Amino acid sequence: MGPPQDEFADQVIQIKRVTKVVKGGKRFKLSATVVVGDGNGRVGVGHGKANEVALAVAKGREHARKSLHKIANGRTIPHETQARFSAANVIIKPASPGTGLVATLPVRSVLRMAGFKDALTKSLGSHTPFNLAMATIHALKKLRRLDEVARLRNKPISYFMERGNAEEDA
């Protein structure tokens, strides 16, 4: 069984009207892009289409719940990361406490739903909300915590702490 429905918060990042031209005229549908997360490292992005806004958002929310990703989280990200999805390119950098999430709506939504409080971002290339959200998820999946890097290198965490600047080694 899946997690309870109330465990996740969601945020709609885009609603748009999509038109299909057919023999008798035009058919209108609505498309919704939704970000879902628990604020504790699990986040997903979904896309839904329907004839009504509520149905499109519900389909997007369901799609997002099915595509949840586990991400190492904290107050800010441990190191700089960058990822690309389609034509969207996102760069995410750590920030000092109190900075907040300096980002465009799709990137900020994904970071907030993942549980981050401080981060600096830059989006390059396409500004399509779905592509930006997916690029952000790909960037967050690349993150490695210090203890993970130490374990992979078969070194104690104190080895990195003694060297002073642990981010260069990570």
N, C-alpha and C. Protein backbone atom coordinates (compact mmCIF):
# COMPACT_ATOMS: atom_id res chain seq x y z
N MET A 1 0.84 -1.19 0.00
CA MET A 1 0.00 0.00 0.00
C MET A 1 0.88 1.24 0.00
N GLY A 2 0.40 2.30 -0.58
CA GLY A 2 1.13 3.55 -0.65
C GLY A 2 1.00 4.33 0.65
N PRO A 3 1.71 5.44 0.74
CA PRO A 3 1.63 6.26 1.95
C PRO A 3 0.26 6.93 2.05
N PRO A 4 -0.13 7.38 3.24
CA PRO A 4 -1.41 8.06 3.38
C PRO A 4 -1.44 9.35 2.55
N GLN A 5 -2.61 9.72 2.08
CA GLN A 5 -2.76 10.88 1.20
C GLN A 5 -2.37 12.18 1.91
N ASP A 6 -2.61 12.29 3.24
CA ASP A 6 -2.36 13.53 3.96
C ASP A 6 -0.89 13.78 4.22
N GLU A 7 -0.04 12.78 4.00
CA GLU A 7 1.39 12.91 4.29
C GLU A 7 2.06 13.91 3.36
N PHE A 8 1.53 14.09 2.16
CA PHE A 8 2.18 14.92 1.15
C PHE A 8 1.47 16.26 0.96
N ALA A 9 2.28 17.29 0.78
CA ALA A 9 1.76 18.60 0.38
C ALA A 9 1.96 18.72 -1.13
N ASP A 10 1.15 19.55 -1.76
CA ASP A 10 1.33 19.72 -3.20
C ASP A 10 1.21 21.19 -3.57
N GLN A 11 1.77 21.53 -4.71
CA GLN A 11 1.69 22.89 -5.22
C GLN A 11 1.57 22.83 -6.74
N VAL A 12 0.58 23.54 -7.25
CA VAL A 12 0.38 23.63 -8.70
C VAL A 12 1.34 24.69 -9.23
N ILE A 13 2.17 24.33 -10.21
CA ILE A 13 3.11 25.31 -10.75
C ILE A 13 2.70 25.84 -12.11
N GLN A 14 1.75 25.17 -12.76
CA GLN A 14 1.27 25.69 -14.03
C GLN A 14 -0.08 25.08 -14.39
N ILE A 15 -0.98 25.93 -14.87
CA ILE A 15 -2.23 25.48 -15.47
C ILE A 15 -2.32 26.19 -16.81
N LYS A 16 -2.52 25.41 -17.87
CA LYS A 16 -2.63 26.05 -19.18
C LYS A 16 -3.73 25.39 -19.99
N ARG A 17 -4.26 26.14 -20.92
CA ARG A 17 -5.31 25.63 -21.80
C ARG A 17 -4.67 25.09 -23.07
N VAL A 18 -5.05 23.88 -23.43
CA VAL A 18 -4.50 23.22 -24.61
C VAL A 18 -5.63 23.08 -25.62
N THR A 19 -5.37 23.44 -26.87
CA THR A 19 -6.38 23.40 -27.91
C THR A 19 -6.04 22.34 -28.95
N LYS A 20 -7.04 21.57 -29.33
CA LYS A 20 -6.89 20.59 -30.40
C LYS A 20 -7.90 20.97 -31.49
N VAL A 21 -7.43 21.17 -32.70
CA VAL A 21 -8.31 21.53 -33.80
C VAL A 21 -8.82 20.25 -34.45
N VAL A 22 -10.13 20.12 -34.52
CA VAL A 22 -10.78 18.96 -35.15
C VAL A 22 -11.72 19.46 -36.24
N LYS A 23 -12.35 18.53 -36.92
CA LYS A 23 -13.20 18.86 -38.05
C LYS A 23 -14.32 19.85 -37.69
N GLY A 24 -14.93 19.69 -36.54
CA GLY A 24 -16.04 20.55 -36.14
C GLY A 24 -15.64 21.84 -35.45
N GLY A 25 -14.37 22.06 -35.23
CA GLY A 25 -13.93 23.27 -34.53
C GLY A 25 -12.73 22.98 -33.65
N LYS A 26 -12.76 23.54 -32.43
CA LYS A 26 -11.64 23.37 -31.51
C LYS A 26 -12.10 22.66 -30.24
N ARG A 27 -11.27 21.78 -29.74
CA ARG A 27 -11.52 21.09 -28.46
C ARG A 27 -10.54 21.66 -27.44
N PHE A 28 -11.06 22.11 -26.32
CA PHE A 28 -10.22 22.69 -25.29
C PHE A 28 -10.07 21.72 -24.12
N LYS A 29 -8.86 21.56 -23.64
CA LYS A 29 -8.56 20.80 -22.44
C LYS A 29 -7.65 21.64 -21.58
N LEU A 30 -7.53 21.27 -20.34
CA LEU A 30 -6.64 21.96 -19.41
C LEU A 30 -5.52 21.03 -18.99
N SER A 31 -4.34 21.60 -18.86
CA SER A 31 -3.16 20.84 -18.47
C SER A 31 -2.62 21.44 -17.17
N ALA A 32 -2.29 20.60 -16.21
CA ALA A 32 -1.77 21.07 -14.92
C ALA A 32 -0.47 20.35 -14.59
N THR A 33 0.50 21.12 -14.11
CA THR A 33 1.77 20.57 -13.63
C THR A 33 1.81 20.77 -12.12
N VAL A 34 2.05 19.68 -11.38
CA VAL A 34 1.95 19.69 -9.93
C VAL A 34 3.22 19.11 -9.32
N VAL A 35 3.68 19.73 -8.22
CA VAL A 35 4.82 19.22 -7.45
C VAL A 35 4.27 18.71 -6.12
N VAL A 36 4.68 17.50 -5.73
CA VAL A 36 4.23 16.87 -4.49
C VAL A 36 5.46 16.51 -3.67
N GLY A 37 5.40 16.75 -2.35
CA GLY A 37 6.52 16.39 -1.48
C GLY A 37 6.09 16.30 -0.04
N ASP A 38 6.94 15.67 0.77
CA ASP A 38 6.64 15.55 2.19
C ASP A 38 7.49 16.49 3.05
N GLY A 39 8.36 17.29 2.43
CA GLY A 39 9.20 18.21 3.19
C GLY A 39 10.33 17.52 3.91
N ASN A 40 10.53 16.23 3.63
CA ASN A 40 11.56 15.47 4.32
C ASN A 40 12.38 14.63 3.35
N GLY A 41 12.56 15.13 2.12
CA GLY A 41 13.43 14.44 1.18
C GLY A 41 12.72 13.65 0.10
N ARG A 42 11.40 13.60 0.10
CA ARG A 42 10.69 12.90 -0.97
C ARG A 42 9.91 13.92 -1.79
N VAL A 43 10.13 13.91 -3.10
CA VAL A 43 9.49 14.89 -3.98
C VAL A 43 9.24 14.27 -5.34
N GLY A 44 8.16 14.72 -6.00
CA GLY A 44 7.82 14.23 -7.33
C GLY A 44 7.11 15.30 -8.13
N VAL A 45 7.17 15.18 -9.44
CA VAL A 45 6.51 16.13 -10.35
C VAL A 45 5.57 15.34 -11.22
N GLY A 46 4.35 15.88 -11.41
CA GLY A 46 3.36 15.20 -12.24
C GLY A 46 2.68 16.15 -13.19
N HIS A 47 2.11 15.58 -14.24
CA HIS A 47 1.46 16.35 -15.28
C HIS A 47 0.13 15.68 -15.58
N GLY A 48 -0.97 16.44 -15.56
CA GLY A 48 -2.28 15.86 -15.83
C GLY A 48 -3.08 16.71 -16.78
N LYS A 49 -3.91 16.06 -17.59
CA LYS A 49 -4.78 16.76 -18.53
C LYS A 49 -6.21 16.30 -18.32
N ALA A 50 -7.15 17.25 -18.41
CA ALA A 50 -8.57 16.92 -18.28
C ALA A 50 -9.40 18.08 -18.81
N ASN A 51 -10.73 17.91 -18.80
CA ASN A 51 -11.62 18.95 -19.27
C ASN A 51 -11.88 20.02 -18.22
N GLU A 52 -11.56 19.72 -16.95
CA GLU A 52 -11.76 20.67 -15.86
C GLU A 52 -10.47 20.83 -15.07
N VAL A 53 -10.32 21.99 -14.44
CA VAL A 53 -9.10 22.28 -13.68
C VAL A 53 -8.92 21.29 -12.54
N ALA A 54 -9.96 21.05 -11.78
CA ALA A 54 -9.84 20.16 -10.61
C ALA A 54 -9.41 18.76 -11.01
N LEU A 55 -9.96 18.25 -12.11
CA LEU A 55 -9.58 16.92 -12.56
C LEU A 55 -8.14 16.89 -13.07
N ALA A 56 -7.73 17.94 -13.77
CA ALA A 56 -6.35 18.00 -14.27
C ALA A 56 -5.36 18.04 -13.11
N VAL A 57 -5.68 18.84 -12.08
CA VAL A 57 -4.80 18.92 -10.91
C VAL A 57 -4.76 17.58 -10.18
N ALA A 58 -5.91 16.92 -10.05
CA ALA A 58 -5.95 15.61 -9.37
C ALA A 58 -5.12 14.59 -10.14
N LYS A 59 -5.21 14.58 -11.47
CA LYS A 59 -4.40 13.65 -12.26
C LYS A 59 -2.92 13.97 -12.14
N GLY A 60 -2.57 15.25 -12.13
CA GLY A 60 -1.17 15.64 -11.96
C GLY A 60 -0.63 15.24 -10.60
N ARG A 61 -1.46 15.41 -9.57
CA ARG A 61 -1.07 15.04 -8.21
C ARG A 61 -0.84 13.53 -8.12
N GLU A 62 -1.72 12.76 -8.73
CA GLU A 62 -1.58 11.30 -8.71
C GLU A 62 -0.32 10.86 -9.47
N HIS A 63 -0.06 11.48 -10.61
CA HIS A 63 1.15 11.16 -11.38
C HIS A 63 2.40 11.51 -10.58
N ALA A 64 2.37 12.63 -9.86
CA ALA A 64 3.52 13.05 -9.05
C ALA A 64 3.76 12.08 -7.91
N ARG A 65 2.68 11.59 -7.28
CA ARG A 65 2.84 10.63 -6.18
C ARG A 65 3.44 9.32 -6.67
N LYS A 66 3.16 8.95 -7.90
CA LYS A 66 3.71 7.72 -8.45
C LYS A 66 5.18 7.87 -8.84
N SER A 67 5.64 9.11 -9.01
CA SER A 67 7.02 9.33 -9.44
C SER A 67 7.84 10.03 -8.36
N LEU A 68 7.68 9.61 -7.10
CA LEU A 68 8.44 10.22 -6.00
C LEU A 68 9.90 9.79 -6.05
N HIS A 69 10.78 10.74 -5.69
CA HIS A 69 12.22 10.49 -5.64
C HIS A 69 12.70 10.80 -4.23
N LYS A 70 13.59 9.97 -3.71
CA LYS A 70 14.19 10.19 -2.39
C LYS A 70 15.45 11.01 -2.57
N ILE A 71 15.55 12.11 -1.83
CA ILE A 71 16.66 13.05 -1.98
C ILE A 71 17.25 13.32 -0.60
N ALA A 72 18.59 13.38 -0.53
CA ALA A 72 19.27 13.74 0.72
C ALA A 72 18.94 15.20 1.01
N ASN A 73 18.35 15.47 2.18
CA ASN A 73 17.93 16.84 2.46
C ASN A 73 18.55 17.38 3.73
N GLY A 74 18.42 18.66 3.91
CA GLY A 74 18.90 19.38 5.08
C GLY A 74 18.41 20.81 4.96
N ARG A 75 19.02 21.72 5.69
CA ARG A 75 18.61 23.12 5.58
C ARG A 75 18.98 23.69 4.21
N THR A 76 20.19 23.35 3.72
CA THR A 76 20.61 23.74 2.39
C THR A 76 21.28 22.54 1.74
N ILE A 77 21.61 22.66 0.47
CA ILE A 77 22.24 21.54 -0.21
C ILE A 77 23.70 21.45 0.19
N PRO A 78 24.30 20.26 0.20
CA PRO A 78 25.68 20.12 0.68
C PRO A 78 26.73 20.66 -0.28
N HIS A 79 26.45 20.68 -1.58
CA HIS A 79 27.43 21.18 -2.55
C HIS A 79 26.70 21.65 -3.80
N GLU A 80 27.39 22.37 -4.64
CA GLU A 80 26.80 22.87 -5.88
C GLU A 80 26.49 21.71 -6.82
N THR A 81 25.41 21.83 -7.54
CA THR A 81 25.02 20.80 -8.49
C THR A 81 24.33 21.44 -9.69
N GLN A 82 24.34 20.71 -10.78
CA GLN A 82 23.76 21.21 -12.02
C GLN A 82 23.17 20.04 -12.79
N ALA A 83 22.05 20.27 -13.46
CA ALA A 83 21.43 19.21 -14.27
C ALA A 83 20.65 19.83 -15.41
N ARG A 84 20.39 18.98 -16.40
CA ARG A 84 19.67 19.39 -17.60
C ARG A 84 18.54 18.41 -17.84
N PHE A 85 17.39 18.95 -18.23
CA PHE A 85 16.27 18.12 -18.66
C PHE A 85 15.68 18.81 -19.88
N SER A 86 15.65 18.11 -20.99
CA SER A 86 15.22 18.69 -22.26
C SER A 86 16.07 19.93 -22.53
N ALA A 87 15.48 21.09 -22.70
CA ALA A 87 16.27 22.30 -22.98
C ALA A 87 16.46 23.16 -21.73
N ALA A 88 15.98 22.69 -20.57
CA ALA A 88 16.12 23.45 -19.33
C ALA A 88 17.38 23.01 -18.59
N ASN A 89 18.13 23.99 -18.10
CA ASN A 89 19.36 23.75 -17.36
C ASN A 89 19.25 24.48 -16.03
N VAL A 90 19.52 23.79 -14.92
CA VAL A 90 19.39 24.39 -13.59
C VAL A 90 20.69 24.22 -12.82
N ILE A 91 21.14 25.31 -12.20
CA ILE A 91 22.31 25.30 -11.31
C ILE A 91 21.81 25.62 -9.91
N ILE A 92 22.18 24.80 -8.92
CA ILE A 92 21.76 25.01 -7.54
C ILE A 92 23.01 25.10 -6.67
N LYS A 93 23.09 26.15 -5.85
CA LYS A 93 24.24 26.36 -4.98
C LYS A 93 23.79 26.44 -3.52
N PRO A 94 24.67 26.04 -2.59
CA PRO A 94 24.34 26.18 -1.16
C PRO A 94 24.25 27.65 -0.77
N ALA A 95 23.48 27.95 0.26
CA ALA A 95 23.34 29.32 0.74
C ALA A 95 23.42 29.33 2.26
N SER A 96 23.81 30.48 2.82
CA SER A 96 23.90 30.61 4.27
C SER A 96 22.50 30.67 4.87
N PRO A 97 22.37 30.32 6.15
CA PRO A 97 21.06 30.34 6.79
C PRO A 97 20.42 31.73 6.73
N GLY A 98 19.13 31.76 6.44
CA GLY A 98 18.40 33.02 6.35
C GLY A 98 18.29 33.57 4.94
N THR A 99 18.98 32.97 3.98
CA THR A 99 18.94 33.46 2.61
C THR A 99 17.59 33.17 1.97
N GLY A 100 17.02 32.02 2.26
CA GLY A 100 15.77 31.62 1.63
C GLY A 100 16.03 30.91 0.31
N LEU A 101 14.97 30.63 -0.41
CA LEU A 101 15.08 29.97 -1.71
C LEU A 101 15.00 31.03 -2.80
N VAL A 102 16.13 31.35 -3.39
CA VAL A 102 16.19 32.33 -4.46
C VAL A 102 16.09 31.56 -5.77
N ALA A 103 14.87 31.48 -6.31
CA ALA A 103 14.65 30.63 -7.48
C ALA A 103 13.35 31.02 -8.17
N THR A 104 13.19 30.54 -9.39
CA THR A 104 11.94 30.71 -10.11
C THR A 104 10.90 29.75 -9.53
N LEU A 105 9.62 29.95 -9.81
CA LEU A 105 8.54 29.19 -9.18
C LEU A 105 8.70 27.67 -9.27
N PRO A 106 8.95 27.09 -10.45
CA PRO A 106 9.06 25.62 -10.49
C PRO A 106 10.23 25.08 -9.67
N VAL A 107 11.36 25.75 -9.72
CA VAL A 107 12.54 25.31 -8.97
C VAL A 107 12.30 25.49 -7.47
N ARG A 108 11.75 26.63 -7.08
CA ARG A 108 11.48 26.91 -5.67
C ARG A 108 10.47 25.90 -5.11
N SER A 109 9.45 25.55 -5.90
CA SER A 109 8.45 24.60 -5.45
C SER A 109 9.07 23.23 -5.17
N VAL A 110 9.91 22.76 -6.07
CA VAL A 110 10.56 21.46 -5.89
C VAL A 110 11.46 21.49 -4.66
N LEU A 111 12.26 22.54 -4.50
CA LEU A 111 13.15 22.64 -3.35
C LEU A 111 12.37 22.70 -2.04
N ARG A 112 11.28 23.47 -2.01
CA ARG A 112 10.48 23.59 -0.80
C ARG A 112 9.81 22.26 -0.46
N MET A 113 9.27 21.58 -1.45
CA MET A 113 8.61 20.30 -1.19
C MET A 113 9.62 19.22 -0.76
N ALA A 114 10.89 19.38 -1.16
CA ALA A 114 11.92 18.43 -0.74
C ALA A 114 12.41 18.73 0.68
N GLY A 115 12.13 19.93 1.20
CA GLY A 115 12.48 20.26 2.56
C GLY A 115 13.65 21.23 2.71
N PHE A 116 14.12 21.81 1.63
CA PHE A 116 15.22 22.76 1.72
C PHE A 116 14.70 24.15 2.09
N LYS A 117 15.50 24.90 2.87
CA LYS A 117 15.11 26.24 3.31
C LYS A 117 15.94 27.33 2.64
N ASP A 118 17.23 27.03 2.33
CA ASP A 118 18.13 28.03 1.77
C ASP A 118 18.85 27.45 0.56
N ALA A 119 18.80 28.17 -0.55
CA ALA A 119 19.54 27.76 -1.75
C ALA A 119 19.52 28.90 -2.76
N LEU A 120 20.58 28.97 -3.54
CA LEU A 120 20.67 29.93 -4.64
C LEU A 120 20.60 29.13 -5.93
N THR A 121 19.82 29.61 -6.90
CA THR A 121 19.67 28.87 -8.14
C THR A 121 19.76 29.80 -9.34
N LYS A 122 20.05 29.20 -10.46
CA LYS A 122 20.03 29.91 -11.74
C LYS A 122 19.47 28.96 -12.77
N SER A 123 18.47 29.42 -13.52
CA SER A 123 17.92 28.58 -14.58
C SER A 123 18.38 29.14 -15.92
N LEU A 124 18.87 28.25 -16.76
CA LEU A 124 19.38 28.62 -18.07
C LEU A 124 18.60 27.86 -19.13
N GLY A 125 18.56 28.39 -20.32
CA GLY A 125 17.88 27.70 -21.41
C GLY A 125 16.37 27.89 -21.32
N SER A 126 15.64 26.82 -21.52
CA SER A 126 14.18 26.85 -21.56
C SER A 126 13.61 27.22 -20.19
N HIS A 127 12.50 27.93 -20.19
CA HIS A 127 11.83 28.30 -18.95
C HIS A 127 10.50 27.58 -18.80
N THR A 128 10.33 26.46 -19.51
CA THR A 128 9.11 25.67 -19.39
C THR A 128 9.04 25.09 -17.98
N PRO A 129 7.93 25.33 -17.24
CA PRO A 129 7.86 24.91 -15.85
C PRO A 129 8.10 23.41 -15.62
N PHE A 130 7.51 22.55 -16.43
CA PHE A 130 7.72 21.11 -16.24
C PHE A 130 9.18 20.74 -16.43
N ASN A 131 9.83 21.27 -17.47
CA ASN A 131 11.23 20.95 -17.72
C ASN A 131 12.12 21.48 -16.60
N LEU A 132 11.84 22.68 -16.08
CA LEU A 132 12.62 23.22 -14.96
C LEU A 132 12.46 22.36 -13.71
N ALA A 133 11.24 21.93 -13.44
CA ALA A 133 11.00 21.09 -12.26
C ALA A 133 11.74 19.76 -12.39
N MET A 134 11.69 19.15 -13.56
CA MET A 134 12.38 17.88 -13.76
C MET A 134 13.90 18.06 -13.70
N ALA A 135 14.42 19.15 -14.25
CA ALA A 135 15.86 19.42 -14.18
C ALA A 135 16.28 19.60 -12.72
N THR A 136 15.44 20.23 -11.92
CA THR A 136 15.75 20.41 -10.49
C THR A 136 15.80 19.06 -9.78
N ILE A 137 14.86 18.18 -10.09
CA ILE A 137 14.87 16.85 -9.47
C ILE A 137 16.12 16.09 -9.88
N HIS A 138 16.50 16.17 -11.16
CA HIS A 138 17.72 15.49 -11.61
C HIS A 138 18.95 16.06 -10.89
N ALA A 139 18.99 17.37 -10.68
CA ALA A 139 20.11 17.99 -9.96
C ALA A 139 20.14 17.52 -8.51
N LEU A 140 18.98 17.45 -7.87
CA LEU A 140 18.93 17.02 -6.47
C LEU A 140 19.30 15.55 -6.31
N LYS A 141 19.00 14.73 -7.30
CA LYS A 141 19.37 13.32 -7.23
C LYS A 141 20.88 13.12 -7.31
N LYS A 142 21.61 14.11 -7.81
CA LYS A 142 23.07 14.02 -7.89
C LYS A 142 23.75 14.34 -6.56
N LEU A 143 23.02 14.89 -5.60
CA LEU A 143 23.61 15.31 -4.33
C LEU A 143 24.15 14.12 -3.54
N ARG A 144 25.30 14.33 -2.90
CA ARG A 144 25.91 13.33 -2.03
C ARG A 144 26.26 13.98 -0.70
N ARG A 145 25.89 13.33 0.40
CA ARG A 145 26.26 13.83 1.72
C ARG A 145 27.70 13.42 2.03
N LEU A 146 28.29 14.08 2.99
CA LEU A 146 29.68 13.83 3.35
C LEU A 146 29.90 12.38 3.80
N ASP A 147 28.97 11.84 4.58
CA ASP A 147 29.13 10.46 5.05
C ASP A 147 29.04 9.45 3.89
N GLU A 148 28.25 9.75 2.86
CA GLU A 148 28.18 8.86 1.69
C GLU A 148 29.50 8.86 0.93
N VAL A 149 30.09 10.05 0.75
CA VAL A 149 31.37 10.15 0.04
C VAL A 149 32.46 9.43 0.82
N ALA A 150 32.45 9.61 2.15
CA ALA A 150 33.45 8.94 2.99
C ALA A 150 33.32 7.42 2.89
N ARG A 151 32.09 6.93 2.91
CA ARG A 151 31.87 5.48 2.81
C ARG A 151 32.33 4.95 1.46
N LEU A 152 32.04 5.68 0.38
CA LEU A 152 32.44 5.25 -0.95
C LEU A 152 33.96 5.24 -1.12
N ARG A 153 34.63 6.14 -0.43
CA ARG A 153 36.09 6.21 -0.52
C ARG A 153 36.80 5.40 0.55
N ASN A 154 36.03 4.72 1.39
CA ASN A 154 36.59 3.91 2.48
C ASN A 154 37.47 4.74 3.40
N LYS A 155 37.00 5.93 3.75
CA LYS A 155 37.72 6.81 4.67
C LYS A 155 36.76 7.25 5.77
N PRO A 156 37.28 7.54 6.95
CA PRO A 156 36.39 8.07 8.00
C PRO A 156 36.01 9.52 7.70
N ILE A 157 34.89 9.96 8.23
CA ILE A 157 34.43 11.33 8.01
C ILE A 157 35.45 12.32 8.55
N SER A 158 36.15 11.96 9.63
CA SER A 158 37.15 12.87 10.22
C SER A 158 38.26 13.19 9.21
N TYR A 159 38.52 12.30 8.27
CA TYR A 159 39.53 12.56 7.23
C TYR A 159 39.18 13.81 6.45
N PHE A 160 37.90 13.97 6.12
CA PHE A 160 37.47 15.14 5.35
C PHE A 160 37.39 16.38 6.22
N MET A 161 37.04 16.21 7.49
CA MET A 161 36.94 17.34 8.40
C MET A 161 38.31 17.95 8.68
N GLU A 162 39.36 17.13 8.77
CA GLU A 162 40.71 17.62 9.04
C GLU A 162 41.26 18.43 7.89
N ARG A 163 40.83 18.11 6.66
CA ARG A 163 41.37 18.77 5.48
C ARG A 163 40.86 20.18 5.33
N GLY A 164 39.77 20.53 6.05
CA GLY A 164 39.30 21.92 6.03
C GLY A 164 38.18 22.16 5.04
N ASN A 165 38.39 21.96 3.76
CA ASN A 165 37.38 22.27 2.77
C ASN A 165 36.86 20.96 2.18
N ALA A 166 35.83 20.42 2.81
CA ALA A 166 35.30 19.11 2.41
C ALA A 166 34.59 19.17 1.06
N GLU A 167 34.06 20.34 0.64
CA GLU A 167 33.31 20.40 -0.61
C GLU A 167 34.17 20.13 -1.82
N GLU A 168 35.46 20.44 -1.77
CA GLU A 168 36.33 20.20 -2.93
C GLU A 168 36.49 18.72 -3.16
N ASP A 169 36.43 17.90 -2.09
CA ASP A 169 36.62 16.46 -2.25
C ASP A 169 35.33 15.76 -2.61
N ALA A 170 34.20 16.36 -2.32
CA ALA A 170 32.90 15.68 -2.52
C ALA A 170 32.48 15.64 -3.94
